[in-house]
Amino acid sequence: NDFDISKLRYDKIVIMADADVDGAHISTLLLTLFYRFMPELI
């Protein structure tokens, strides 16, 4: 575990994708990344 939440440079990480199927897929891929490798962010 190399994750240290105290070093986070931004209070808000905002996923900004189009409101369509491709945008929803991109959002899901990003959320999967955050949940599996940076869960403290969530």
ModelCIF file with pLDDT and N, C-alpha, C, O atoms, coordinates in Angstrom:
data_MODEL
#
_entry.id   MODEL 
#
_entity.id                         1 
_entity.type                       polymer 
_entity.pdbx_number_of_molecules   1 
#
_entity_poly.entity_id                      1 
_entity_poly.type                           'polypeptide(L)' 
_entity_poly.nstd_linkage                   no 
_entity_poly.nstd_monomer                   no 
_entity_poly.pdbx_seq_one_letter_code       NDFDISKLRYDKIVIMADADVDGAHISTLLLTLFYRFMPELI 
_entity_poly.pdbx_seq_one_letter_code_can   NDFDISKLRYDKIVIMADADVDGAHISTLLLTLFYRFMPELI 
_entity_poly.pdbx_strand_id                 A 
#
loop_
_entity_poly_seq.entity_id 
_entity_poly_seq.num 
_entity_poly_seq.mon_id 
_entity_poly_seq.hetero 
1 1  ASN n 
1 2  ASP n 
1 3  PHE n 
1 4  ASP n 
1 5  ILE n 
1 6  SER n 
1 7  LYS n 
1 8  LEU n 
1 9  ARG n 
1 10 TYR n 
1 11 ASP n 
1 12 LYS n 
1 13 ILE n 
1 14 VAL n 
1 15 ILE n 
1 16 MET n 
1 17 ALA n 
1 18 ASP n 
1 19 ALA n 
1 20 ASP n 
1 21 VAL n 
1 22 ASP n 
1 23 GLY n 
1 24 ALA n 
1 25 HIS n 
1 26 ILE n 
1 27 SER n 
1 28 THR n 
1 29 LEU n 
1 30 LEU n 
1 31 LEU n 
1 32 THR n 
1 33 LEU n 
1 34 PHE n 
1 35 TYR n 
1 36 ARG n 
1 37 PHE n 
1 38 MET n 
1 39 PRO n 
1 40 GLU n 
1 41 LEU n 
1 42 ILE n 
#
_struct_asym.id          A 
_struct_asym.entity_id   1 
#
loop_
_ma_qa_metric.id 
_ma_qa_metric.mode 
_ma_qa_metric.name 
_ma_qa_metric.software_group_id 
_ma_qa_metric.type 
1 global pLDDT . pLDDT 
2 local  pLDDT . pLDDT 
#
_ma_qa_metric_global.metric_id      1 
_ma_qa_metric_global.metric_value   83.90 
_ma_qa_metric_global.model_id       1 
_ma_qa_metric_global.ordinal_id     1 
#
loop_
_ma_qa_metric_local.label_asym_id 
_ma_qa_metric_local.label_comp_id 
_ma_qa_metric_local.label_seq_id 
_ma_qa_metric_local.metric_id 
_ma_qa_metric_local.metric_value 
_ma_qa_metric_local.model_id 
_ma_qa_metric_local.ordinal_id 
A ASN 1  2 56.00 1 1  
A ASP 2  2 68.00 1 2  
A PHE 3  2 78.00 1 3  
A ASP 4  2 85.00 1 4  
A ILE 5  2 87.00 1 5  
A SER 6  2 89.00 1 6  
A LYS 7  2 91.00 1 7  
A LEU 8  2 92.00 1 8  
A ARG 9  2 94.00 1 9  
A TYR 10 2 95.00 1 10 
A ASP 11 2 94.00 1 11 
A LYS 12 2 95.00 1 12 
A ILE 13 2 95.00 1 13 
A VAL 14 2 94.00 1 14 
A ILE 15 2 91.00 1 15 
A MET 16 2 89.00 1 16 
A ALA 17 2 84.00 1 17 
A ASP 18 2 80.00 1 18 
A ALA 19 2 71.00 1 19 
A ASP 20 2 71.00 1 20 
A VAL 21 2 73.00 1 21 
A ASP 22 2 77.00 1 22 
A GLY 23 2 78.00 1 23 
A ALA 24 2 78.00 1 24 
A HIS 25 2 81.00 1 25 
A ILE 26 2 84.00 1 26 
A SER 27 2 84.00 1 27 
A THR 28 2 84.00 1 28 
A LEU 29 2 85.00 1 29 
A LEU 30 2 87.00 1 30 
A LEU 31 2 86.00 1 31 
A THR 32 2 83.00 1 32 
A LEU 33 2 86.00 1 33 
A PHE 34 2 86.00 1 34 
A TYR 35 2 83.00 1 35 
A ARG 36 2 79.00 1 36 
A PHE 37 2 82.00 1 37 
A MET 38 2 86.00 1 38 
A PRO 39 2 83.00 1 39 
A GLU 40 2 85.00 1 40 
A LEU 41 2 89.00 1 41 
A ILE 42 2 86.00 1 42 
#
loop_
_atom_site.group_PDB 
_atom_site.id 
_atom_site.type_symbol 
_atom_site.label_atom_id 
_atom_site.label_alt_id 
_atom_site.label_comp_id 
_atom_site.label_asym_id 
_atom_site.label_entity_id 
_atom_site.label_seq_id 
_atom_site.pdbx_PDB_ins_code 
_atom_site.Cartn_x 
_atom_site.Cartn_y 
_atom_site.Cartn_z 
_atom_site.occupancy 
_atom_site.B_iso_or_equiv 
_atom_site.pdbx_formal_charge 
_atom_site.auth_seq_id 
_atom_site.auth_comp_id 
_atom_site.auth_asym_id 
_atom_site.auth_atom_id 
_atom_site.pdbx_PDB_model_num 
ATOM 1   N N  . ASN A 1 1  ? 0.841   -1.194 0.000   1.00 56.00 ? 1  ASN A N  1 
ATOM 2   C CA . ASN A 1 1  ? 0.000   0.000  0.000   1.00 56.00 ? 1  ASN A CA 1 
ATOM 3   C C  . ASN A 1 1  ? 0.869   1.235  0.000   1.00 56.00 ? 1  ASN A C  1 
ATOM 4   O O  . ASN A 1 1  ? 1.508   1.568  0.998   1.00 56.00 ? 1  ASN A O  1 
ATOM 5   N N  . ASP A 1 2  ? 0.883   1.913  -1.144  1.00 68.00 ? 2  ASP A N  1 
ATOM 6   C CA . ASP A 1 2  ? 1.652   3.147  -1.268  1.00 68.00 ? 2  ASP A CA 1 
ATOM 7   C C  . ASP A 1 2  ? 0.739   4.359  -1.244  1.00 68.00 ? 2  ASP A C  1 
ATOM 8   O O  . ASP A 1 2  ? 1.164   5.465  -1.579  1.00 68.00 ? 2  ASP A O  1 
ATOM 9   N N  . PHE A 1 3  ? -0.506  4.161  -0.853  1.00 78.00 ? 3  PHE A N  1 
ATOM 10  C CA . PHE A 1 3  ? -1.485  5.243  -0.914  1.00 78.00 ? 3  PHE A CA 1 
ATOM 11  C C  . PHE A 1 3  ? -1.460  6.059  0.373   1.00 78.00 ? 3  PHE A C  1 
ATOM 12  O O  . PHE A 1 3  ? -1.487  5.500  1.469   1.00 78.00 ? 3  PHE A O  1 
ATOM 13  N N  . ASP A 1 4  ? -1.407  7.396  0.235   1.00 85.00 ? 4  ASP A N  1 
ATOM 14  C CA . ASP A 1 4  ? -1.412  8.295  1.388   1.00 85.00 ? 4  ASP A CA 1 
ATOM 15  C C  . ASP A 1 4  ? -2.386  9.430  1.090   1.00 85.00 ? 4  ASP A C  1 
ATOM 16  O O  . ASP A 1 4  ? -2.065  10.356 0.346   1.00 85.00 ? 4  ASP A O  1 
ATOM 17  N N  . ILE A 1 5  ? -3.576  9.350  1.677   1.00 87.00 ? 5  ILE A N  1 
ATOM 18  C CA . ILE A 1 5  ? -4.631  10.321 1.390   1.00 87.00 ? 5  ILE A CA 1 
ATOM 19  C C  . ILE A 1 5  ? -4.232  11.737 1.782   1.00 87.00 ? 5  ILE A C  1 
ATOM 20  O O  . ILE A 1 5  ? -4.752  12.702 1.221   1.00 87.00 ? 5  ILE A O  1 
ATOM 21  N N  . SER A 1 6  ? -3.321  11.873 2.734   1.00 89.00 ? 6  SER A N  1 
ATOM 22  C CA . SER A 1 6  ? -2.914  13.214 3.180   1.00 89.00 ? 6  SER A CA 1 
ATOM 23  C C  . SER A 1 6  ? -2.158  13.975 2.094   1.00 89.00 ? 6  SER A C  1 
ATOM 24  O O  . SER A 1 6  ? -2.018  15.195 2.174   1.00 89.00 ? 6  SER A O  1 
ATOM 25  N N  . LYS A 1 7  ? -1.670  13.261 1.078   1.00 91.00 ? 7  LYS A N  1 
ATOM 26  C CA . LYS A 1 7  ? -0.928  13.905 -0.005  1.00 91.00 ? 7  LYS A CA 1 
ATOM 27  C C  . LYS A 1 7  ? -1.808  14.263 -1.200  1.00 91.00 ? 7  LYS A C  1 
ATOM 28  O O  . LYS A 1 7  ? -1.309  14.764 -2.207  1.00 91.00 ? 7  LYS A O  1 
ATOM 29  N N  . LEU A 1 8  ? -3.109  14.012 -1.097  1.00 92.00 ? 8  LEU A N  1 
ATOM 30  C CA . LEU A 1 8  ? -4.021  14.318 -2.189  1.00 92.00 ? 8  LEU A CA 1 
ATOM 31  C C  . LEU A 1 8  ? -4.008  15.813 -2.488  1.00 92.00 ? 8  LEU A C  1 
ATOM 32  O O  . LEU A 1 8  ? -4.133  16.632 -1.578  1.00 92.00 ? 8  LEU A O  1 
ATOM 33  N N  . ARG A 1 9  ? -3.856  16.168 -3.763  1.00 94.00 ? 9  ARG A N  1 
ATOM 34  C CA . ARG A 1 9  ? -3.695  17.570 -4.149  1.00 94.00 ? 9  ARG A CA 1 
ATOM 35  C C  . ARG A 1 9  ? -5.023  18.278 -4.415  1.00 94.00 ? 9  ARG A C  1 
ATOM 36  O O  . ARG A 1 9  ? -5.054  19.498 -4.579  1.00 94.00 ? 9  ARG A O  1 
ATOM 37  N N  . TYR A 1 10 ? -6.120  17.518 -4.458  1.00 95.00 ? 10 TYR A N  1 
ATOM 38  C CA . TYR A 1 10 ? -7.412  18.112 -4.793  1.00 95.00 ? 10 TYR A CA 1 
ATOM 39  C C  . TYR A 1 10 ? -8.488  17.584 -3.850  1.00 95.00 ? 10 TYR A C  1 
ATOM 40  O O  . TYR A 1 10 ? -8.549  16.388 -3.563  1.00 95.00 ? 10 TYR A O  1 
ATOM 41  N N  . ASP A 1 11 ? -9.334  18.492 -3.374  1.00 94.00 ? 11 ASP A N  1 
ATOM 42  C CA . ASP A 1 11 ? -10.432 18.068 -2.512  1.00 94.00 ? 11 ASP A CA 1 
ATOM 43  C C  . ASP A 1 11 ? -11.520 17.361 -3.309  1.00 94.00 ? 11 ASP A C  1 
ATOM 44  O O  . ASP A 1 11 ? -12.161 16.436 -2.811  1.00 94.00 ? 11 ASP A O  1 
ATOM 45  N N  . LYS A 1 12 ? -11.725 17.798 -4.545  1.00 95.00 ? 12 LYS A N  1 
ATOM 46  C CA . LYS A 1 12 ? -12.747 17.180 -5.393  1.00 95.00 ? 12 LYS A CA 1 
ATOM 47  C C  . LYS A 1 12 ? -12.107 16.637 -6.657  1.00 95.00 ? 12 LYS A C  1 
ATOM 48  O O  . LYS A 1 12 ? -11.386 17.351 -7.355  1.00 95.00 ? 12 LYS A O  1 
ATOM 49  N N  . ILE A 1 13 ? -12.374 15.365 -6.950  1.00 95.00 ? 13 ILE A N  1 
ATOM 50  C CA . ILE A 1 13 ? -12.005 14.741 -8.215  1.00 95.00 ? 13 ILE A CA 1 
ATOM 51  C C  . ILE A 1 13 ? -13.307 14.517 -8.963  1.00 95.00 ? 13 ILE A C  1 
ATOM 52  O O  . ILE A 1 13 ? -14.128 13.698 -8.550  1.00 95.00 ? 13 ILE A O  1 
ATOM 53  N N  . VAL A 1 14 ? -13.501 15.240 -10.064 1.00 94.00 ? 14 VAL A N  1 
ATOM 54  C CA . VAL A 1 14 ? -14.788 15.252 -10.753 1.00 94.00 ? 14 VAL A CA 1 
ATOM 55  C C  . VAL A 1 14 ? -14.659 14.543 -12.097 1.00 94.00 ? 14 VAL A C  1 
ATOM 56  O O  . VAL A 1 14 ? -13.865 14.949 -12.946 1.00 94.00 ? 14 VAL A O  1 
ATOM 57  N N  . ILE A 1 15 ? -15.439 13.486 -12.284 1.00 91.00 ? 15 ILE A N  1 
ATOM 58  C CA . ILE A 1 15 ? -15.493 12.795 -13.573 1.00 91.00 ? 15 ILE A CA 1 
ATOM 59  C C  . ILE A 1 15 ? -16.483 13.548 -14.458 1.00 91.00 ? 15 ILE A C  1 
ATOM 60  O O  . ILE A 1 15 ? -17.657 13.686 -14.116 1.00 91.00 ? 15 ILE A O  1 
ATOM 61  N N  . MET A 1 16 ? -15.994 14.032 -15.596 1.00 89.00 ? 16 MET A N  1 
ATOM 62  C CA . MET A 1 16 ? -16.832 14.855 -16.477 1.00 89.00 ? 16 MET A CA 1 
ATOM 63  C C  . MET A 1 16 ? -16.912 14.166 -17.828 1.00 89.00 ? 16 MET A C  1 
ATOM 64  O O  . MET A 1 16 ? -16.049 14.356 -18.684 1.00 89.00 ? 16 MET A O  1 
ATOM 65  N N  . ALA A 1 17 ? -17.965 13.357 -18.017 1.00 84.00 ? 17 ALA A N  1 
ATOM 66  C CA . ALA A 1 17 ? -18.126 12.590 -19.252 1.00 84.00 ? 17 ALA A CA 1 
ATOM 67  C C  . ALA A 1 17 ? -19.455 12.935 -19.897 1.00 84.00 ? 17 ALA A C  1 
ATOM 68  O O  . ALA A 1 17 ? -20.350 13.477 -19.249 1.00 84.00 ? 17 ALA A O  1 
ATOM 69  N N  . ASP A 1 18 ? -19.578 12.616 -21.186 1.00 80.00 ? 18 ASP A N  1 
ATOM 70  C CA . ASP A 1 18 ? -20.818 12.885 -21.903 1.00 80.00 ? 18 ASP A CA 1 
ATOM 71  C C  . ASP A 1 18 ? -21.961 12.074 -21.317 1.00 80.00 ? 18 ASP A C  1 
ATOM 72  O O  . ASP A 1 18 ? -21.746 11.011 -20.734 1.00 80.00 ? 18 ASP A O  1 
ATOM 73  N N  . ALA A 1 19 ? -23.187 12.587 -21.478 1.00 71.00 ? 19 ALA A N  1 
ATOM 74  C CA . ALA A 1 19 ? -24.377 11.919 -20.950 1.00 71.00 ? 19 ALA A CA 1 
ATOM 75  C C  . ALA A 1 19 ? -24.905 10.911 -21.970 1.00 71.00 ? 19 ALA A C  1 
ATOM 76  O O  . ALA A 1 19 ? -26.059 10.994 -22.391 1.00 71.00 ? 19 ALA A O  1 
ATOM 77  N N  . ASP A 1 20 ? -24.048 9.951  -22.370 1.00 71.00 ? 20 ASP A N  1 
ATOM 78  C CA . ASP A 1 20 ? -24.470 8.909  -23.293 1.00 71.00 ? 20 ASP A CA 1 
ATOM 79  C C  . ASP A 1 20 ? -23.850 7.587  -22.847 1.00 71.00 ? 20 ASP A C  1 
ATOM 80  O O  . ASP A 1 20 ? -23.208 7.522  -21.798 1.00 71.00 ? 20 ASP A O  1 
ATOM 81  N N  . VAL A 1 21 ? -24.042 6.537  -23.642 1.00 73.00 ? 21 VAL A N  1 
ATOM 82  C CA . VAL A 1 21 ? -23.562 5.207  -23.255 1.00 73.00 ? 21 VAL A CA 1 
ATOM 83  C C  . VAL A 1 21 ? -22.046 5.189  -23.113 1.00 73.00 ? 21 VAL A C  1 
ATOM 84  O O  . VAL A 1 21 ? -21.521 4.635  -22.147 1.00 73.00 ? 21 VAL A O  1 
ATOM 85  N N  . ASP A 1 22 ? -21.332 5.795  -24.072 1.00 77.00 ? 22 ASP A N  1 
ATOM 86  C CA . ASP A 1 22 ? -19.871 5.830  -23.995 1.00 77.00 ? 22 ASP A CA 1 
ATOM 87  C C  . ASP A 1 22 ? -19.404 6.597  -22.759 1.00 77.00 ? 22 ASP A C  1 
ATOM 88  O O  . ASP A 1 22 ? -18.464 6.185  -22.081 1.00 77.00 ? 22 ASP A O  1 
ATOM 89  N N  . GLY A 1 23 ? -20.075 7.721  -22.473 1.00 78.00 ? 23 GLY A N  1 
ATOM 90  C CA . GLY A 1 23 ? -19.719 8.494  -21.288 1.00 78.00 ? 23 GLY A CA 1 
ATOM 91  C C  . GLY A 1 23 ? -19.936 7.708  -20.010 1.00 78.00 ? 23 GLY A C  1 
ATOM 92  O O  . GLY A 1 23 ? -19.118 7.767  -19.091 1.00 78.00 ? 23 GLY A O  1 
ATOM 93  N N  . ALA A 1 24 ? -21.052 6.961  -19.949 1.00 78.00 ? 24 ALA A N  1 
ATOM 94  C CA . ALA A 1 24 ? -21.330 6.133  -18.774 1.00 78.00 ? 24 ALA A CA 1 
ATOM 95  C C  . ALA A 1 24 ? -20.276 5.043  -18.615 1.00 78.00 ? 24 ALA A C  1 
ATOM 96  O O  . ALA A 1 24 ? -19.882 4.718  -17.495 1.00 78.00 ? 24 ALA A O  1 
ATOM 97  N N  . HIS A 1 25 ? -19.815 4.474  -19.739 1.00 81.00 ? 25 HIS A N  1 
ATOM 98  C CA . HIS A 1 25 ? -18.788 3.430  -19.675 1.00 81.00 ? 25 HIS A CA 1 
ATOM 99  C C  . HIS A 1 25 ? -17.465 4.001  -19.175 1.00 81.00 ? 25 HIS A C  1 
ATOM 100 O O  . HIS A 1 25 ? -16.780 3.378  -18.364 1.00 81.00 ? 25 HIS A O  1 
ATOM 101 N N  . ILE A 1 26 ? -17.110 5.194  -19.666 1.00 84.00 ? 26 ILE A N  1 
ATOM 102 C CA . ILE A 1 26 ? -15.881 5.847  -19.204 1.00 84.00 ? 26 ILE A CA 1 
ATOM 103 C C  . ILE A 1 26 ? -15.953 6.117  -17.703 1.00 84.00 ? 26 ILE A C  1 
ATOM 104 O O  . ILE A 1 26 ? -14.991 5.874  -16.974 1.00 84.00 ? 26 ILE A O  1 
ATOM 105 N N  . SER A 1 27 ? -17.102 6.623  -17.246 1.00 84.00 ? 27 SER A N  1 
ATOM 106 C CA . SER A 1 27 ? -17.276 6.882  -15.812 1.00 84.00 ? 27 SER A CA 1 
ATOM 107 C C  . SER A 1 27 ? -17.133 5.601  -15.010 1.00 84.00 ? 27 SER A C  1 
ATOM 108 O O  . SER A 1 27 ? -16.503 5.598  -13.952 1.00 84.00 ? 27 SER A O  1 
ATOM 109 N N  . THR A 1 28 ? -17.713 4.510  -15.503 1.00 84.00 ? 28 THR A N  1 
ATOM 110 C CA . THR A 1 28 ? -17.649 3.228  -14.795 1.00 84.00 ? 28 THR A CA 1 
ATOM 111 C C  . THR A 1 28 ? -16.218 2.713  -14.718 1.00 84.00 ? 28 THR A C  1 
ATOM 112 O O  . THR A 1 28 ? -15.795 2.197  -13.684 1.00 84.00 ? 28 THR A O  1 
ATOM 113 N N  . LEU A 1 29 ? -15.467 2.854  -15.821 1.00 85.00 ? 29 LEU A N  1 
ATOM 114 C CA . LEU A 1 29 ? -14.067 2.414  -15.819 1.00 85.00 ? 29 LEU A CA 1 
ATOM 115 C C  . LEU A 1 29 ? -13.251 3.217  -14.809 1.00 85.00 ? 29 LEU A C  1 
ATOM 116 O O  . LEU A 1 29 ? -12.418 2.655  -14.097 1.00 85.00 ? 29 LEU A O  1 
ATOM 117 N N  . LEU A 1 30 ? -13.485 4.524  -14.742 1.00 87.00 ? 30 LEU A N  1 
ATOM 118 C CA . LEU A 1 30 ? -12.763 5.364  -13.779 1.00 87.00 ? 30 LEU A CA 1 
ATOM 119 C C  . LEU A 1 30 ? -13.143 5.013  -12.349 1.00 87.00 ? 30 LEU A C  1 
ATOM 120 O O  . LEU A 1 30 ? -12.280 4.946  -11.475 1.00 87.00 ? 30 LEU A O  1 
ATOM 121 N N  . LEU A 1 31 ? -14.440 4.788  -12.104 1.00 86.00 ? 31 LEU A N  1 
ATOM 122 C CA . LEU A 1 31 ? -14.878 4.419  -10.756 1.00 86.00 ? 31 LEU A CA 1 
ATOM 123 C C  . LEU A 1 31 ? -14.302 3.067  -10.341 1.00 86.00 ? 31 LEU A C  1 
ATOM 124 O O  . LEU A 1 31 ? -13.957 2.870  -9.176  1.00 86.00 ? 31 LEU A O  1 
ATOM 125 N N  . THR A 1 32 ? -14.197 2.137  -11.291 1.00 83.00 ? 32 THR A N  1 
ATOM 126 C CA . THR A 1 32 ? -13.584 0.840  -10.993 1.00 83.00 ? 32 THR A CA 1 
ATOM 127 C C  . THR A 1 32 ? -12.123 1.018  -10.601 1.00 83.00 ? 32 THR A C  1 
ATOM 128 O O  . THR A 1 32 ? -11.654 0.384  -9.656  1.00 83.00 ? 32 THR A O  1 
ATOM 129 N N  . LEU A 1 33 ? -11.400 1.876  -11.319 1.00 86.00 ? 33 LEU A N  1 
ATOM 130 C CA . LEU A 1 33 ? -10.006 2.171  -10.977 1.00 86.00 ? 33 LEU A CA 1 
ATOM 131 C C  . LEU A 1 33 ? -9.910  2.740  -9.562  1.00 86.00 ? 33 LEU A C  1 
ATOM 132 O O  . LEU A 1 33 ? -9.097  2.281  -8.760  1.00 86.00 ? 33 LEU A O  1 
ATOM 133 N N  . PHE A 1 34 ? -10.737 3.737  -9.259  1.00 86.00 ? 34 PHE A N  1 
ATOM 134 C CA . PHE A 1 34 ? -10.675 4.360  -7.936  1.00 86.00 ? 34 PHE A CA 1 
ATOM 135 C C  . PHE A 1 34 ? -11.037 3.357  -6.836  1.00 86.00 ? 34 PHE A C  1 
ATOM 136 O O  . PHE A 1 34 ? -10.381 3.312  -5.795  1.00 86.00 ? 34 PHE A O  1 
ATOM 137 N N  . TYR A 1 35 ? -12.079 2.554  -7.069  1.00 83.00 ? 35 TYR A N  1 
ATOM 138 C CA . TYR A 1 35 ? -12.548 1.622  -6.034  1.00 83.00 ? 35 TYR A CA 1 
ATOM 139 C C  . TYR A 1 35 ? -11.522 0.535  -5.744  1.00 83.00 ? 35 TYR A C  1 
ATOM 140 O O  . TYR A 1 35 ? -11.328 0.147  -4.592  1.00 83.00 ? 35 TYR A O  1 
ATOM 141 N N  . ARG A 1 36 ? -10.870 0.049  -6.788  1.00 79.00 ? 36 ARG A N  1 
ATOM 142 C CA . ARG A 1 36 ? -9.928  -1.062 -6.591  1.00 79.00 ? 36 ARG A CA 1 
ATOM 143 C C  . ARG A 1 36 ? -8.545  -0.597 -6.123  1.00 79.00 ? 36 ARG A C  1 
ATOM 144 O O  . ARG A 1 36 ? -7.874  -1.312 -5.380  1.00 79.00 ? 36 ARG A O  1 
ATOM 145 N N  . PHE A 1 37 ? -8.112  0.605  -6.554  1.00 82.00 ? 37 PHE A N  1 
ATOM 146 C CA . PHE A 1 37 ? -6.737  1.014  -6.277  1.00 82.00 ? 37 PHE A CA 1 
ATOM 147 C C  . PHE A 1 37 ? -6.618  2.275  -5.426  1.00 82.00 ? 37 PHE A C  1 
ATOM 148 O O  . PHE A 1 37 ? -5.539  2.565  -4.911  1.00 82.00 ? 37 PHE A O  1 
ATOM 149 N N  . MET A 1 38 ? -7.687  3.018  -5.272  1.00 86.00 ? 38 MET A N  1 
ATOM 150 C CA . MET A 1 38 ? -7.662  4.224  -4.434  1.00 86.00 ? 38 MET A CA 1 
ATOM 151 C C  . MET A 1 38 ? -8.994  4.359  -3.678  1.00 86.00 ? 38 MET A C  1 
ATOM 152 O O  . MET A 1 38 ? -9.627  5.413  -3.748  1.00 86.00 ? 38 MET A O  1 
ATOM 153 N N  . PRO A 1 39 ? -9.425  3.326  -2.966  1.00 83.00 ? 39 PRO A N  1 
ATOM 154 C CA . PRO A 1 39 ? -10.772 3.347  -2.375  1.00 83.00 ? 39 PRO A CA 1 
ATOM 155 C C  . PRO A 1 39 ? -10.989 4.470  -1.377  1.00 83.00 ? 39 PRO A C  1 
ATOM 156 O O  . PRO A 1 39 ? -12.119 4.925  -1.198  1.00 83.00 ? 39 PRO A O  1 
ATOM 157 N N  . GLU A 1 40 ? -9.912  4.930  -0.713  1.00 85.00 ? 40 GLU A N  1 
ATOM 158 C CA . GLU A 1 40 ? -10.076 6.013  0.259   1.00 85.00 ? 40 GLU A CA 1 
ATOM 159 C C  . GLU A 1 40 ? -10.614 7.280  -0.395  1.00 85.00 ? 40 GLU A C  1 
ATOM 160 O O  . GLU A 1 40 ? -11.293 8.072  0.257   1.00 85.00 ? 40 GLU A O  1 
ATOM 161 N N  . LEU A 1 41 ? -10.317 7.479  -1.682  1.00 89.00 ? 41 LEU A N  1 
ATOM 162 C CA . LEU A 1 41 ? -10.852 8.646  -2.381  1.00 89.00 ? 41 LEU A CA 1 
ATOM 163 C C  . LEU A 1 41 ? -12.380 8.653  -2.324  1.00 89.00 ? 41 LEU A C  1 
ATOM 164 O O  . LEU A 1 41 ? -12.999 9.702  -2.147  1.00 89.00 ? 41 LEU A O  1 
ATOM 165 N N  . ILE A 1 42 ? -12.978 7.472  -2.477  1.00 86.00 ? 42 ILE A N  1 
ATOM 166 C CA . ILE A 1 42 ? -14.437 7.367  -2.450  1.00 86.00 ? 42 ILE A CA 1 
ATOM 167 C C  . ILE A 1 42 ? -14.951 7.396  -1.021  1.00 86.00 ? 42 ILE A C  1 
ATOM 168 O O  . ILE A 1 42 ? -16.160 7.319  -0.798  1.00 86.00 ? 42 ILE A O  1 
#
